[in-house]
Protein backbone atom coordinates (compact mmCIF):
# COMPACT_ATOMS: atom_id res chain seq x y z
CA MET A 1 17.28 -4.27 16.16
CA LYS A 2 15.91 -6.49 13.39
CA ILE A 3 15.95 -5.49 9.74
CA ALA A 4 12.14 -5.23 9.59
CA GLU A 5 12.26 -3.00 12.65
CA ASN A 6 14.78 -0.76 10.87
CA ILE A 7 12.48 -0.55 7.86
CA ASN A 8 9.52 0.31 10.09
CA ASN A 9 11.50 3.03 11.88
CA PHE A 10 12.58 4.50 8.53
CA VAL A 11 8.98 4.52 7.29
CA VAL A 12 7.72 6.19 10.47
CA GLU A 13 10.57 8.75 10.62
CA ASN A 14 10.00 9.73 6.99
CA ARG A 15 6.20 9.71 7.32
CA ILE A 16 5.75 7.29 4.46
CA PRO A 17 2.19 5.98 4.27
CA LYS A 18 2.30 2.20 4.70
CA GLY A 19 -0.55 1.77 2.21
CA ARG A 20 1.48 3.49 -0.48
CA LEU A 21 4.60 1.49 0.41
CA ALA A 22 2.61 -1.75 0.27
CA LYS A 23 1.25 -0.87 -3.16
CA LYS A 24 4.65 0.18 -4.55
CA SER A 25 6.32 -2.94 -3.20
CA GLY A 26 3.61 -5.32 -4.44
CA MET A 27 2.46 -6.44 -0.99
CA THR A 28 -0.89 -6.26 0.73
CA GLU A 29 -1.14 -3.72 3.53
CA ASN A 30 -1.78 -6.56 5.96
CA ALA A 31 1.33 -8.52 4.91
CA LEU A 32 3.49 -5.39 5.10
CA SER A 33 2.13 -4.42 8.50
CA LEU A 34 2.63 -7.91 9.93
CA SER A 35 6.17 -7.99 8.55
CA LEU A 36 7.17 -4.58 9.86
CA ASN A 37 5.74 -5.45 13.27
CA GLY A 38 7.76 -8.66 13.48
CA LYS A 39 4.79 -11.01 13.20
CA ARG A 40 5.67 -12.25 9.71
CA LYS A 41 9.03 -12.76 8.03
CA LEU A 42 9.88 -10.87 4.89
CA ASN A 43 11.17 -12.98 2.05
CA ALA A 44 14.09 -11.80 -0.06
CA GLU A 45 11.93 -10.65 -2.96
CA GLU A 46 9.70 -8.58 -0.67
CA TYR A 47 12.76 -7.02 0.97
CA LEU A 48 14.21 -6.03 -2.41
CA ASN A 49 10.85 -4.64 -3.54
CA ILE A 50 10.57 -2.55 -0.37
CA CYS A 51 14.09 -1.17 -0.90
CA ASP A 52 13.19 -0.29 -4.50
CA ALA A 53 9.94 1.37 -3.38
CA LEU A 54 11.84 3.42 -0.78
CA CYS A 55 14.64 4.26 -3.25
CA VAL A 56 17.36 2.93 -0.96
CA SER A 57 20.18 0.53 -1.72
CA TYR A 58 19.64 -3.14 -0.98
CA ASP A 59 22.19 -3.06 1.83
CA PHE A 60 20.82 0.10 3.48
CA PHE A 61 18.81 -1.66 6.19
CA ILE A 62 21.36 -4.46 6.55
CA LYS A 63 24.06 -1.89 7.35
CA ARG A 64 21.76 -0.21 9.89
CA TYR A 65 21.12 -3.64 11.43
CA HIS A 66 24.84 -4.27 11.89
CA GLU A 67 25.47 -0.75 13.21
CA ASN A 68 22.80 -1.17 15.91
CA ARG A 69 23.86 -4.60 17.17
């Protein structure tokens, strides 16, 4: 499971509105949606901003990625 897929699952499981996440992370809703659906790559800054917006550590989704491999 890819890191963006882990982020998307977390957002869905926790019922976090993607519009609000996009705004808090400084992304457009379209860019966030494309990224979380695997149609656009997240850059490092966007990843860090998403982690900050979700109040999770920077390695949270990376650890989940390695656990699910």
